[in-house]
Amino acid sequence: MHLIHKLIVAFSLVIMLLAQREAVPAKDYTADRFDSSIIVREGGSLSVTETVTFRFVGGPFTYVFRDIPTSKTDGIVVESASMDDQTMHHGSGTGQVEITYGNPVKVTWHFPPVSDQTHTFVLTYLVLGVFQKAQDADILNWIALPTDYVYAIRSSTITVSYPEQAVLVGTPEVVQGTAQVTTTPGTVVFSAHNLKPNTRLEIGPAYSCL
């Protein structure tokens, strides 16, 4: 009887542990959209504004981050960051944005715990010295999406606007990844949908007279 009692207690503990494991809510997030507006400045720098809408399932979640590689540039300067149209000041506390410069530049939004909600994050930064000089053109190879991310992206629109005096040389292309390309005077738009985690999107317009 003593052995049977021990087995019953052990079995009950297993059931309790399994119940607790099943009670843990799912925790996941996706990007409903990851859009980027890129303005090519005279001299070859870029002004980039990224707008990302994350859908949080379960939780709680207290931060999101963006890593921006600086390789093949002369540096990146973060100008502003916001959450749900509220500008966040620099810092590591709740309601602040933490910026660590290096390669990559790491931007972390800190916010109060959220669960089963949708929030929009905006990041504006300047990219210096990103163009590569060729014989008859300035070449832009820019990785528009993160290079290492674990969430799916439902929709991404990358809009590149360039100065009036700049002339496109050849057809804009997707160097890596898949996207629909649309060109109008002064603008190139790259559109992609249903991107799996870690899917890269590198764009490659070429210009003259920057």
N, C-alpha and C. Protein backbone atom coordinates (compact mmCIF):
# COMPACT_ATOMS: atom_id res chain seq x y z
N MET A 1 0.83 -1.21 0.00
CA MET A 1 0.00 0.00 0.00
C MET A 1 0.86 1.26 0.00
N HIS A 2 1.98 1.18 0.72
CA HIS A 2 2.85 2.34 0.78
C HIS A 2 3.40 2.67 -0.60
N LEU A 3 3.79 1.64 -1.35
CA LEU A 3 4.31 1.83 -2.71
C LEU A 3 3.22 2.39 -3.62
N ILE A 4 2.02 1.85 -3.48
CA ILE A 4 0.91 2.33 -4.31
C ILE A 4 0.62 3.80 -4.03
N HIS A 5 0.68 4.17 -2.75
CA HIS A 5 0.45 5.56 -2.36
C HIS A 5 1.49 6.49 -2.98
N LYS A 6 2.76 6.06 -2.99
CA LYS A 6 3.83 6.85 -3.60
C LYS A 6 3.59 7.02 -5.10
N LEU A 7 3.14 5.93 -5.75
CA LEU A 7 2.88 6.01 -7.20
C LEU A 7 1.73 6.96 -7.49
N ILE A 8 0.69 6.93 -6.65
CA ILE A 8 -0.45 7.82 -6.85
C ILE A 8 -0.02 9.28 -6.70
N VAL A 9 0.82 9.56 -5.67
CA VAL A 9 1.31 10.92 -5.46
C VAL A 9 2.15 11.38 -6.63
N ALA A 10 3.05 10.51 -7.10
CA ALA A 10 3.92 10.85 -8.23
C ALA A 10 3.10 11.12 -9.48
N PHE A 11 2.09 10.28 -9.73
CA PHE A 11 1.23 10.44 -10.91
C PHE A 11 0.46 11.75 -10.84
N SER A 12 0.01 12.10 -9.63
CA SER A 12 -0.72 13.36 -9.45
C SER A 12 0.17 14.55 -9.73
N LEU A 13 1.44 14.48 -9.31
CA LEU A 13 2.39 15.57 -9.56
C LEU A 13 2.63 15.74 -11.05
N VAL A 14 2.74 14.61 -11.77
CA VAL A 14 2.94 14.68 -13.22
C VAL A 14 1.76 15.36 -13.88
N ILE A 15 0.53 15.00 -13.45
CA ILE A 15 -0.66 15.61 -14.02
C ILE A 15 -0.68 17.11 -13.74
N MET A 16 -0.28 17.52 -12.52
CA MET A 16 -0.26 18.94 -12.18
C MET A 16 0.75 19.69 -13.02
N LEU A 17 1.92 19.11 -13.23
CA LEU A 17 2.95 19.77 -14.04
C LEU A 17 2.49 19.91 -15.48
N LEU A 18 1.86 18.85 -16.03
CA LEU A 18 1.35 18.93 -17.39
C LEU A 18 0.26 19.99 -17.51
N ALA A 19 -0.59 20.08 -16.52
CA ALA A 19 -1.66 21.08 -16.53
C ALA A 19 -1.09 22.48 -16.50
N GLN A 20 -0.03 22.67 -15.68
CA GLN A 20 0.60 23.98 -15.62
C GLN A 20 1.25 24.33 -16.94
N ARG A 21 1.87 23.33 -17.58
CA ARG A 21 2.51 23.59 -18.87
C ARG A 21 1.48 23.97 -19.91
N GLU A 22 0.34 23.29 -19.92
CA GLU A 22 -0.71 23.60 -20.89
C GLU A 22 -1.35 24.95 -20.59
N ALA A 23 -1.28 25.39 -19.34
CA ALA A 23 -1.91 26.65 -18.98
C ALA A 23 -1.07 27.86 -19.40
N VAL A 24 0.22 27.65 -19.73
CA VAL A 24 1.08 28.74 -20.16
C VAL A 24 0.58 29.29 -21.49
N PRO A 25 0.23 30.57 -21.56
CA PRO A 25 -0.32 31.11 -22.81
C PRO A 25 0.72 31.15 -23.92
N ALA A 26 0.25 31.01 -25.15
CA ALA A 26 1.15 31.10 -26.31
C ALA A 26 1.72 32.51 -26.39
N LYS A 27 2.95 32.62 -26.86
CA LYS A 27 3.60 33.91 -26.99
C LYS A 27 4.26 33.99 -28.35
N ASP A 28 3.76 34.87 -29.18
CA ASP A 28 4.28 34.98 -30.54
C ASP A 28 3.97 36.39 -31.06
N TYR A 29 4.68 36.79 -32.10
CA TYR A 29 4.38 38.08 -32.71
C TYR A 29 4.74 38.05 -34.19
N THR A 30 4.04 38.85 -34.96
CA THR A 30 4.28 38.99 -36.39
C THR A 30 4.25 40.47 -36.74
N ALA A 31 4.78 40.79 -37.91
CA ALA A 31 4.73 42.16 -38.42
C ALA A 31 3.63 42.23 -39.48
N ASP A 32 2.55 42.92 -39.17
CA ASP A 32 1.51 43.12 -40.18
C ASP A 32 2.06 43.89 -41.36
N ARG A 33 2.97 44.80 -41.07
CA ARG A 33 3.63 45.58 -42.13
C ARG A 33 5.02 45.97 -41.67
N PHE A 34 5.93 46.03 -42.63
CA PHE A 34 7.27 46.54 -42.40
C PHE A 34 7.61 47.40 -43.62
N ASP A 35 7.32 48.69 -43.49
CA ASP A 35 7.48 49.61 -44.61
C ASP A 35 8.69 50.51 -44.39
N SER A 36 9.30 50.91 -45.49
CA SER A 36 10.47 51.77 -45.41
C SER A 36 10.40 52.84 -46.49
N SER A 37 10.52 54.09 -46.07
CA SER A 37 10.58 55.21 -47.00
C SER A 37 12.02 55.72 -47.03
N ILE A 38 12.65 55.62 -48.21
CA ILE A 38 14.06 55.95 -48.35
C ILE A 38 14.20 57.14 -49.30
N ILE A 39 14.80 58.21 -48.79
CA ILE A 39 15.04 59.40 -49.61
C ILE A 39 16.53 59.49 -49.90
N VAL A 40 16.87 59.46 -51.18
CA VAL A 40 18.27 59.59 -51.60
C VAL A 40 18.63 61.07 -51.62
N ARG A 41 19.62 61.44 -50.83
CA ARG A 41 20.03 62.83 -50.76
C ARG A 41 21.17 63.13 -51.72
N GLU A 42 21.29 64.40 -52.05
CA GLU A 42 22.42 64.81 -52.88
C GLU A 42 23.71 64.48 -52.14
N GLY A 43 24.66 63.90 -52.86
CA GLY A 43 25.90 63.48 -52.26
C GLY A 43 25.92 62.00 -51.92
N GLY A 44 24.74 61.35 -51.96
CA GLY A 44 24.73 59.90 -51.83
C GLY A 44 24.38 59.33 -50.46
N SER A 45 23.88 60.13 -49.55
CA SER A 45 23.42 59.58 -48.27
C SER A 45 21.93 59.23 -48.38
N LEU A 46 21.43 58.51 -47.38
CA LEU A 46 20.03 58.10 -47.37
C LEU A 46 19.36 58.60 -46.09
N SER A 47 18.14 59.07 -46.22
CA SER A 47 17.29 59.34 -45.08
C SER A 47 16.20 58.27 -45.06
N VAL A 48 16.19 57.46 -44.00
CA VAL A 48 15.33 56.28 -43.95
C VAL A 48 14.31 56.42 -42.82
N THR A 49 13.05 56.16 -43.14
CA THR A 49 12.00 56.09 -42.13
C THR A 49 11.32 54.73 -42.23
N GLU A 50 11.44 53.93 -41.18
CA GLU A 50 10.83 52.60 -41.14
C GLU A 50 9.59 52.63 -40.26
N THR A 51 8.52 52.04 -40.75
CA THR A 51 7.28 51.93 -39.99
C THR A 51 6.91 50.46 -39.88
N VAL A 52 6.88 49.95 -38.65
CA VAL A 52 6.62 48.53 -38.42
C VAL A 52 5.43 48.39 -37.48
N THR A 53 4.44 47.63 -37.89
CA THR A 53 3.29 47.33 -37.03
C THR A 53 3.38 45.88 -36.58
N PHE A 54 3.62 45.70 -35.28
CA PHE A 54 3.72 44.36 -34.71
C PHE A 54 2.40 43.94 -34.10
N ARG A 55 2.02 42.69 -34.33
CA ARG A 55 0.85 42.09 -33.69
C ARG A 55 1.35 41.09 -32.64
N PHE A 56 1.09 41.41 -31.37
CA PHE A 56 1.55 40.58 -30.26
C PHE A 56 0.44 39.61 -29.85
N VAL A 57 0.77 38.32 -29.78
CA VAL A 57 -0.17 37.29 -29.36
C VAL A 57 0.34 36.69 -28.06
N GLY A 58 -0.52 36.68 -27.04
CA GLY A 58 -0.06 36.22 -25.73
C GLY A 58 0.86 37.27 -25.13
N GLY A 59 1.78 36.81 -24.33
CA GLY A 59 2.72 37.75 -23.75
C GLY A 59 3.02 37.43 -22.28
N PRO A 60 3.48 38.43 -21.56
CA PRO A 60 3.60 39.82 -21.99
C PRO A 60 4.89 40.09 -22.77
N PHE A 61 4.86 41.18 -23.55
CA PHE A 61 6.02 41.68 -24.27
C PHE A 61 6.39 43.04 -23.69
N THR A 62 7.68 43.30 -23.55
CA THR A 62 8.12 44.57 -22.97
C THR A 62 9.13 45.32 -23.84
N TYR A 63 9.53 44.73 -24.97
CA TYR A 63 10.47 45.44 -25.84
C TYR A 63 10.45 44.84 -27.24
N VAL A 64 10.88 45.63 -28.22
CA VAL A 64 11.21 45.15 -29.56
C VAL A 64 12.52 45.82 -29.94
N PHE A 65 13.22 45.27 -30.92
CA PHE A 65 14.50 45.88 -31.29
C PHE A 65 14.71 45.79 -32.80
N ARG A 66 15.62 46.63 -33.28
CA ARG A 66 16.00 46.66 -34.69
C ARG A 66 17.51 46.77 -34.75
N ASP A 67 18.17 45.83 -35.43
CA ASP A 67 19.61 45.87 -35.67
C ASP A 67 19.85 46.36 -37.10
N ILE A 68 20.69 47.39 -37.26
CA ILE A 68 20.98 47.96 -38.57
C ILE A 68 22.47 47.79 -38.85
N PRO A 69 22.85 46.91 -39.79
CA PRO A 69 24.27 46.74 -40.10
C PRO A 69 24.87 48.03 -40.67
N THR A 70 26.11 48.30 -40.30
CA THR A 70 26.80 49.49 -40.80
C THR A 70 27.87 49.16 -41.83
N SER A 71 28.05 47.88 -42.13
CA SER A 71 29.04 47.51 -43.14
C SER A 71 28.65 48.12 -44.49
N LYS A 72 29.64 48.50 -45.27
CA LYS A 72 29.47 49.15 -46.57
C LYS A 72 28.79 50.52 -46.44
N THR A 73 28.93 51.15 -45.28
CA THR A 73 28.47 52.52 -45.09
C THR A 73 29.57 53.29 -44.36
N ASP A 74 29.40 54.61 -44.29
CA ASP A 74 30.30 55.44 -43.49
C ASP A 74 29.70 55.75 -42.13
N GLY A 75 28.63 55.05 -41.80
CA GLY A 75 28.01 55.23 -40.49
C GLY A 75 26.51 55.46 -40.57
N ILE A 76 25.85 55.24 -39.44
CA ILE A 76 24.40 55.42 -39.34
C ILE A 76 24.12 56.28 -38.11
N VAL A 77 23.24 57.26 -38.29
CA VAL A 77 22.86 58.17 -37.21
C VAL A 77 21.36 58.06 -36.99
N VAL A 78 20.95 57.61 -35.80
CA VAL A 78 19.53 57.52 -35.48
C VAL A 78 19.02 58.92 -35.14
N GLU A 79 17.94 59.33 -35.80
CA GLU A 79 17.40 60.67 -35.59
C GLU A 79 16.20 60.68 -34.65
N SER A 80 15.33 59.67 -34.74
CA SER A 80 14.16 59.65 -33.85
C SER A 80 13.57 58.25 -33.83
N ALA A 81 12.80 57.97 -32.78
CA ALA A 81 12.08 56.70 -32.65
C ALA A 81 10.79 56.97 -31.90
N SER A 82 9.73 56.25 -32.28
CA SER A 82 8.45 56.46 -31.63
C SER A 82 7.68 55.15 -31.52
N MET A 83 6.66 55.16 -30.68
CA MET A 83 5.73 54.04 -30.54
C MET A 83 4.33 54.62 -30.51
N ASP A 84 3.50 54.17 -31.44
CA ASP A 84 2.11 54.65 -31.52
C ASP A 84 2.05 56.17 -31.55
N ASP A 85 2.89 56.77 -32.39
CA ASP A 85 2.94 58.22 -32.62
C ASP A 85 3.48 59.01 -31.42
N GLN A 86 4.00 58.33 -30.42
CA GLN A 86 4.60 59.01 -29.28
C GLN A 86 6.12 58.92 -29.36
N THR A 87 6.79 60.07 -29.50
CA THR A 87 8.24 60.09 -29.58
C THR A 87 8.84 59.59 -28.26
N MET A 88 9.85 58.73 -28.37
CA MET A 88 10.49 58.17 -27.18
C MET A 88 11.88 58.78 -27.02
N HIS A 89 12.20 59.16 -25.78
CA HIS A 89 13.51 59.74 -25.49
C HIS A 89 14.53 58.63 -25.22
N HIS A 90 15.80 58.98 -25.38
CA HIS A 90 16.87 57.99 -25.19
C HIS A 90 16.94 57.54 -23.74
N GLY A 91 17.15 56.24 -23.57
CA GLY A 91 17.29 55.68 -22.23
C GLY A 91 16.93 54.21 -22.25
N SER A 92 17.16 53.54 -21.14
CA SER A 92 16.90 52.10 -21.04
C SER A 92 15.69 51.78 -20.18
N GLY A 93 14.95 52.81 -19.75
CA GLY A 93 13.79 52.59 -18.92
C GLY A 93 12.52 52.39 -19.73
N THR A 94 11.44 52.06 -19.05
CA THR A 94 10.15 51.89 -19.70
C THR A 94 9.71 53.20 -20.35
N GLY A 95 9.25 53.11 -21.60
CA GLY A 95 8.84 54.31 -22.32
C GLY A 95 9.99 55.03 -22.99
N GLN A 96 11.16 54.40 -23.04
CA GLN A 96 12.34 55.01 -23.66
C GLN A 96 12.90 54.11 -24.75
N VAL A 97 13.75 54.69 -25.59
CA VAL A 97 14.41 53.93 -26.65
C VAL A 97 15.91 53.90 -26.36
N GLU A 98 16.47 52.71 -26.42
CA GLU A 98 17.90 52.51 -26.13
C GLU A 98 18.64 52.34 -27.45
N ILE A 99 19.71 53.11 -27.64
CA ILE A 99 20.48 53.07 -28.89
C ILE A 99 21.92 52.74 -28.57
N THR A 100 22.42 51.66 -29.16
CA THR A 100 23.81 51.25 -28.99
C THR A 100 24.49 51.28 -30.34
N TYR A 101 25.52 52.15 -30.46
CA TYR A 101 26.21 52.29 -31.74
C TYR A 101 27.34 51.27 -31.84
N GLY A 102 27.51 50.75 -33.04
CA GLY A 102 28.51 49.74 -33.35
C GLY A 102 28.12 49.12 -34.67
N ASN A 103 28.54 47.91 -34.91
CA ASN A 103 28.08 47.18 -36.10
C ASN A 103 27.51 45.85 -35.65
N PRO A 104 26.17 45.75 -35.57
CA PRO A 104 25.19 46.72 -36.06
C PRO A 104 24.86 47.80 -35.03
N VAL A 105 24.17 48.85 -35.49
CA VAL A 105 23.53 49.78 -34.57
C VAL A 105 22.27 49.09 -34.04
N LYS A 106 22.14 49.04 -32.72
CA LYS A 106 21.01 48.34 -32.11
C LYS A 106 20.06 49.35 -31.47
N VAL A 107 18.80 49.30 -31.88
CA VAL A 107 17.77 50.19 -31.35
C VAL A 107 16.74 49.32 -30.63
N THR A 108 16.48 49.62 -29.34
CA THR A 108 15.54 48.83 -28.54
C THR A 108 14.48 49.74 -27.95
N TRP A 109 13.22 49.46 -28.27
CA TRP A 109 12.08 50.18 -27.69
C TRP A 109 11.67 49.46 -26.40
N HIS A 110 11.60 50.17 -25.28
CA HIS A 110 11.14 49.61 -24.01
C HIS A 110 9.75 50.18 -23.69
N PHE A 111 8.82 49.31 -23.34
CA PHE A 111 7.45 49.78 -23.09
C PHE A 111 6.79 48.91 -22.02
N PRO A 112 5.70 49.38 -21.42
CA PRO A 112 4.99 48.59 -20.41
C PRO A 112 4.51 47.27 -21.01
N PRO A 113 4.32 46.24 -20.19
CA PRO A 113 3.90 44.93 -20.70
C PRO A 113 2.63 45.00 -21.53
N VAL A 114 2.66 44.34 -22.70
CA VAL A 114 1.48 44.29 -23.57
C VAL A 114 1.21 42.83 -23.94
N SER A 115 -0.06 42.51 -24.14
CA SER A 115 -0.47 41.17 -24.57
C SER A 115 -1.67 41.31 -25.50
N ASP A 116 -1.68 40.51 -26.56
CA ASP A 116 -2.81 40.48 -27.49
C ASP A 116 -3.18 41.88 -27.97
N GLN A 117 -2.16 42.61 -28.42
CA GLN A 117 -2.36 43.97 -28.91
C GLN A 117 -1.53 44.20 -30.17
N THR A 118 -1.85 45.29 -30.87
CA THR A 118 -1.10 45.71 -32.05
C THR A 118 -0.53 47.10 -31.81
N HIS A 119 0.77 47.27 -32.08
CA HIS A 119 1.42 48.55 -31.86
C HIS A 119 2.32 48.88 -33.04
N THR A 120 2.47 50.17 -33.32
CA THR A 120 3.25 50.64 -34.46
C THR A 120 4.50 51.38 -33.98
N PHE A 121 5.64 51.01 -34.55
CA PHE A 121 6.93 51.58 -34.18
C PHE A 121 7.53 52.26 -35.42
N VAL A 122 8.05 53.47 -35.22
CA VAL A 122 8.66 54.22 -36.32
C VAL A 122 10.09 54.58 -35.93
N LEU A 123 10.99 54.38 -36.88
CA LEU A 123 12.41 54.69 -36.68
C LEU A 123 12.91 55.50 -37.87
N THR A 124 13.57 56.63 -37.59
CA THR A 124 14.14 57.47 -38.64
C THR A 124 15.64 57.56 -38.41
N TYR A 125 16.40 57.30 -39.47
CA TYR A 125 17.86 57.37 -39.33
C TYR A 125 18.50 57.78 -40.65
N LEU A 126 19.74 58.24 -40.54
CA LEU A 126 20.52 58.71 -41.68
C LEU A 126 21.63 57.70 -41.96
N VAL A 127 21.76 57.31 -43.23
CA VAL A 127 22.82 56.39 -43.64
C VAL A 127 23.84 57.17 -44.47
N LEU A 128 25.09 57.16 -44.05
CA LEU A 128 26.14 57.93 -44.71
C LEU A 128 27.00 57.03 -45.59
N GLY A 129 27.43 57.55 -46.73
CA GLY A 129 28.40 56.87 -47.58
C GLY A 129 28.01 55.49 -48.00
N VAL A 130 26.76 55.29 -48.41
CA VAL A 130 26.30 53.95 -48.73
C VAL A 130 26.45 53.61 -50.21
N PHE A 131 26.63 54.61 -51.06
CA PHE A 131 26.72 54.36 -52.49
C PHE A 131 28.13 53.89 -52.88
N GLN A 132 28.18 52.98 -53.84
CA GLN A 132 29.44 52.51 -54.39
C GLN A 132 29.66 53.15 -55.75
N LYS A 133 30.84 53.70 -55.93
CA LYS A 133 31.14 54.38 -57.18
C LYS A 133 31.48 53.38 -58.28
N ALA A 134 30.79 53.48 -59.40
CA ALA A 134 31.12 52.70 -60.59
C ALA A 134 31.58 53.67 -61.68
N GLN A 135 31.90 53.13 -62.85
CA GLN A 135 32.45 53.97 -63.91
C GLN A 135 31.47 55.05 -64.37
N ASP A 136 30.20 54.68 -64.48
CA ASP A 136 29.22 55.62 -65.02
C ASP A 136 28.00 55.79 -64.12
N ALA A 137 28.10 55.33 -62.85
CA ALA A 137 26.92 55.41 -62.00
C ALA A 137 27.30 55.26 -60.53
N ASP A 138 26.37 55.64 -59.68
CA ASP A 138 26.47 55.39 -58.25
C ASP A 138 25.53 54.24 -57.92
N ILE A 139 26.05 53.19 -57.32
CA ILE A 139 25.30 51.96 -57.10
C ILE A 139 24.81 51.90 -55.65
N LEU A 140 23.52 51.67 -55.49
CA LEU A 140 22.93 51.50 -54.17
C LEU A 140 22.52 50.04 -53.98
N ASN A 141 23.23 49.35 -53.08
CA ASN A 141 22.81 48.02 -52.64
C ASN A 141 22.45 48.14 -51.16
N TRP A 142 21.16 48.15 -50.88
CA TRP A 142 20.70 48.40 -49.52
C TRP A 142 19.82 47.25 -49.05
N ILE A 143 20.15 46.69 -47.88
CA ILE A 143 19.35 45.62 -47.30
C ILE A 143 18.21 46.29 -46.54
N ALA A 144 17.01 46.26 -47.12
CA ALA A 144 15.90 47.06 -46.61
C ALA A 144 15.24 46.45 -45.38
N LEU A 145 15.36 45.14 -45.20
CA LEU A 145 14.77 44.47 -44.05
C LEU A 145 15.87 43.97 -43.12
N PRO A 146 15.55 43.66 -41.87
CA PRO A 146 16.56 43.09 -40.98
C PRO A 146 17.19 41.84 -41.58
N THR A 147 18.42 41.54 -41.19
CA THR A 147 19.10 40.36 -41.71
C THR A 147 18.87 39.13 -40.84
N ASP A 148 18.36 39.34 -39.63
CA ASP A 148 18.15 38.22 -38.71
C ASP A 148 16.92 38.52 -37.87
N TYR A 149 15.78 37.91 -38.22
CA TYR A 149 14.56 38.16 -37.46
C TYR A 149 13.72 36.88 -37.43
N VAL A 150 12.94 36.72 -36.34
CA VAL A 150 12.25 35.45 -36.09
C VAL A 150 10.74 35.55 -36.34
N TYR A 151 10.28 36.68 -36.82
CA TYR A 151 8.85 36.88 -37.04
C TYR A 151 8.53 36.92 -38.54
N ALA A 152 7.30 36.59 -38.88
CA ALA A 152 6.85 36.70 -40.26
C ALA A 152 6.45 38.14 -40.56
N ILE A 153 6.61 38.55 -41.81
CA ILE A 153 6.21 39.88 -42.27
C ILE A 153 5.11 39.70 -43.30
N ARG A 154 3.91 40.21 -42.99
CA ARG A 154 2.77 40.01 -43.88
C ARG A 154 2.87 40.88 -45.13
N SER A 155 3.38 42.10 -44.96
CA SER A 155 3.45 43.02 -46.09
C SER A 155 4.62 43.97 -45.90
N SER A 156 5.33 44.25 -46.98
CA SER A 156 6.45 45.19 -46.93
C SER A 156 6.49 46.02 -48.20
N THR A 157 6.51 47.34 -48.02
CA THR A 157 6.62 48.26 -49.15
C THR A 157 7.83 49.15 -48.93
N ILE A 158 8.78 49.07 -49.83
CA ILE A 158 10.00 49.87 -49.76
C ILE A 158 9.93 50.93 -50.87
N THR A 159 9.89 52.19 -50.48
CA THR A 159 9.78 53.29 -51.44
C THR A 159 11.08 54.08 -51.45
N VAL A 160 11.70 54.16 -52.62
CA VAL A 160 12.96 54.90 -52.79
C VAL A 160 12.69 56.13 -53.64
N SER A 161 12.95 57.32 -53.08
CA SER A 161 12.78 58.57 -53.81
C SER A 161 14.15 59.20 -54.04
N TYR A 162 14.39 59.69 -55.25
CA TYR A 162 15.72 60.22 -55.56
C TYR A 162 15.62 61.63 -56.14
N PRO A 163 16.71 62.41 -56.07
CA PRO A 163 16.68 63.82 -56.49
C PRO A 163 16.34 63.98 -57.97
N GLU A 164 15.87 65.17 -58.30
CA GLU A 164 15.46 65.44 -59.68
C GLU A 164 16.62 65.29 -60.65
N GLN A 165 17.83 65.69 -60.23
CA GLN A 165 18.96 65.64 -61.14
C GLN A 165 19.53 64.24 -61.32
N ALA A 166 19.09 63.29 -60.47
CA ALA A 166 19.58 61.92 -60.59
C ALA A 166 18.82 61.19 -61.69
N VAL A 167 19.54 60.34 -62.40
CA VAL A 167 18.95 59.58 -63.50
C VAL A 167 19.18 58.10 -63.23
N LEU A 168 18.11 57.31 -63.32
CA LEU A 168 18.26 55.87 -63.15
C LEU A 168 19.08 55.28 -64.29
N VAL A 169 20.02 54.43 -63.95
CA VAL A 169 20.84 53.75 -64.95
C VAL A 169 20.42 52.28 -64.95
N GLY A 170 19.76 51.83 -65.96
CA GLY A 170 19.28 50.46 -65.99
C GLY A 170 17.99 50.30 -65.21
N THR A 171 17.57 49.07 -65.06
CA THR A 171 16.31 48.75 -64.38
C THR A 171 16.58 48.43 -62.92
N PRO A 172 15.87 49.07 -61.99
CA PRO A 172 16.04 48.72 -60.57
C PRO A 172 15.75 47.23 -60.37
N GLU A 173 16.49 46.62 -59.47
CA GLU A 173 16.35 45.17 -59.29
C GLU A 173 16.41 44.80 -57.81
N VAL A 174 15.93 43.59 -57.54
CA VAL A 174 16.06 43.00 -56.22
C VAL A 174 17.30 42.12 -56.24
N VAL A 175 18.34 42.52 -55.52
CA VAL A 175 19.59 41.78 -55.51
C VAL A 175 19.43 40.45 -54.79
N GLN A 176 18.65 40.47 -53.70
CA GLN A 176 18.40 39.26 -52.93
C GLN A 176 16.96 39.29 -52.42
N GLY A 177 16.23 38.20 -52.62
CA GLY A 177 14.84 38.14 -52.21
C GLY A 177 13.92 38.27 -53.41
N THR A 178 12.63 38.45 -53.14
CA THR A 178 11.62 38.55 -54.19
C THR A 178 10.69 39.70 -53.88
N ALA A 179 10.45 40.56 -54.87
CA ALA A 179 9.53 41.68 -54.69
C ALA A 179 9.08 42.17 -56.06
N GLN A 180 7.91 42.79 -56.07
CA GLN A 180 7.42 43.44 -57.27
C GLN A 180 8.01 44.84 -57.34
N VAL A 181 8.52 45.23 -58.52
CA VAL A 181 9.18 46.52 -58.67
C VAL A 181 8.35 47.42 -59.57
N THR A 182 8.07 48.64 -59.08
CA THR A 182 7.32 49.63 -59.86
C THR A 182 8.12 50.93 -59.90
N THR A 183 8.25 51.50 -61.08
CA THR A 183 9.00 52.75 -61.22
C THR A 183 8.10 53.85 -61.76
N THR A 184 8.24 55.03 -61.19
CA THR A 184 7.63 56.25 -61.69
C THR A 184 8.71 57.33 -61.63
N PRO A 185 8.52 58.46 -62.31
CA PRO A 185 9.56 59.50 -62.26
C PRO A 185 9.91 59.90 -60.83
N GLY A 186 11.16 59.70 -60.47
CA GLY A 186 11.65 60.09 -59.15
C GLY A 186 11.43 59.07 -58.06
N THR A 187 10.79 57.93 -58.37
CA THR A 187 10.46 56.98 -57.32
C THR A 187 10.55 55.54 -57.83
N VAL A 188 11.06 54.66 -56.95
CA VAL A 188 11.03 53.22 -57.20
C VAL A 188 10.37 52.56 -55.99
N VAL A 189 9.42 51.67 -56.23
CA VAL A 189 8.71 51.01 -55.15
C VAL A 189 8.91 49.50 -55.26
N PHE A 190 9.31 48.88 -54.14
CA PHE A 190 9.48 47.44 -54.04
C PHE A 190 8.40 46.91 -53.09
N SER A 191 7.60 45.95 -53.54
CA SER A 191 6.50 45.41 -52.73
C SER A 191 6.67 43.91 -52.56
N ALA A 192 6.53 43.44 -51.32
CA ALA A 192 6.65 42.01 -51.02
C ALA A 192 5.59 41.62 -50.00
N HIS A 193 5.21 40.34 -50.00
CA HIS A 193 4.15 39.88 -49.12
C HIS A 193 4.49 38.50 -48.56
N ASN A 194 3.95 38.25 -47.35
CA ASN A 194 4.05 36.94 -46.70
C ASN A 194 5.49 36.43 -46.65
N LEU A 195 6.34 37.23 -46.03
CA LEU A 195 7.76 36.88 -45.91
C LEU A 195 7.98 36.04 -44.66
N LYS A 196 8.67 34.95 -44.81
CA LYS A 196 9.00 34.09 -43.68
C LYS A 196 10.14 34.70 -42.88
N PRO A 197 10.33 34.27 -41.62
CA PRO A 197 11.44 34.79 -40.82
C PRO A 197 12.78 34.66 -41.55
N ASN A 198 13.64 35.66 -41.36
CA ASN A 198 15.00 35.69 -41.92
C ASN A 198 15.02 35.80 -43.45
N THR A 199 13.90 36.20 -44.07
CA THR A 199 13.89 36.44 -45.51
C THR A 199 14.52 37.79 -45.80
N ARG A 200 15.56 37.82 -46.59
CA ARG A 200 16.24 39.08 -46.89
C ARG A 200 15.58 39.78 -48.08
N LEU A 201 15.71 41.10 -48.08
CA LEU A 201 15.27 41.89 -49.22
C LEU A 201 16.31 42.97 -49.46
N GLU A 202 17.15 42.74 -50.46
CA GLU A 202 18.22 43.69 -50.81
C GLU A 202 17.89 44.30 -52.16
N ILE A 203 17.86 45.64 -52.21
CA ILE A 203 17.50 46.34 -53.44
C ILE A 203 18.73 46.98 -54.06
N GLY A 204 18.68 47.17 -55.39
CA GLY A 204 19.88 47.63 -56.07
C GLY A 204 19.65 48.61 -57.19
N PRO A 205 19.05 49.78 -56.97
CA PRO A 205 19.01 50.79 -58.02
C PRO A 205 20.40 51.38 -58.29
N ALA A 206 20.59 51.87 -59.51
CA ALA A 206 21.83 52.57 -59.86
C ALA A 206 21.46 53.94 -60.43
N TYR A 207 22.22 54.96 -60.04
CA TYR A 207 21.92 56.32 -60.44
C TYR A 207 23.19 56.98 -61.01
N SER A 208 22.97 58.01 -61.82
CA SER A 208 24.05 58.89 -62.22
C SER A 208 23.71 60.30 -61.78
N CYS A 209 24.72 61.13 -61.65
CA CYS A 209 24.55 62.53 -61.28
C CYS A 209 23.97 62.73 -59.89
N LEU A 210 24.41 61.98 -58.92
CA LEU A 210 23.94 62.21 -57.54
C LEU A 210 24.68 63.40 -56.92
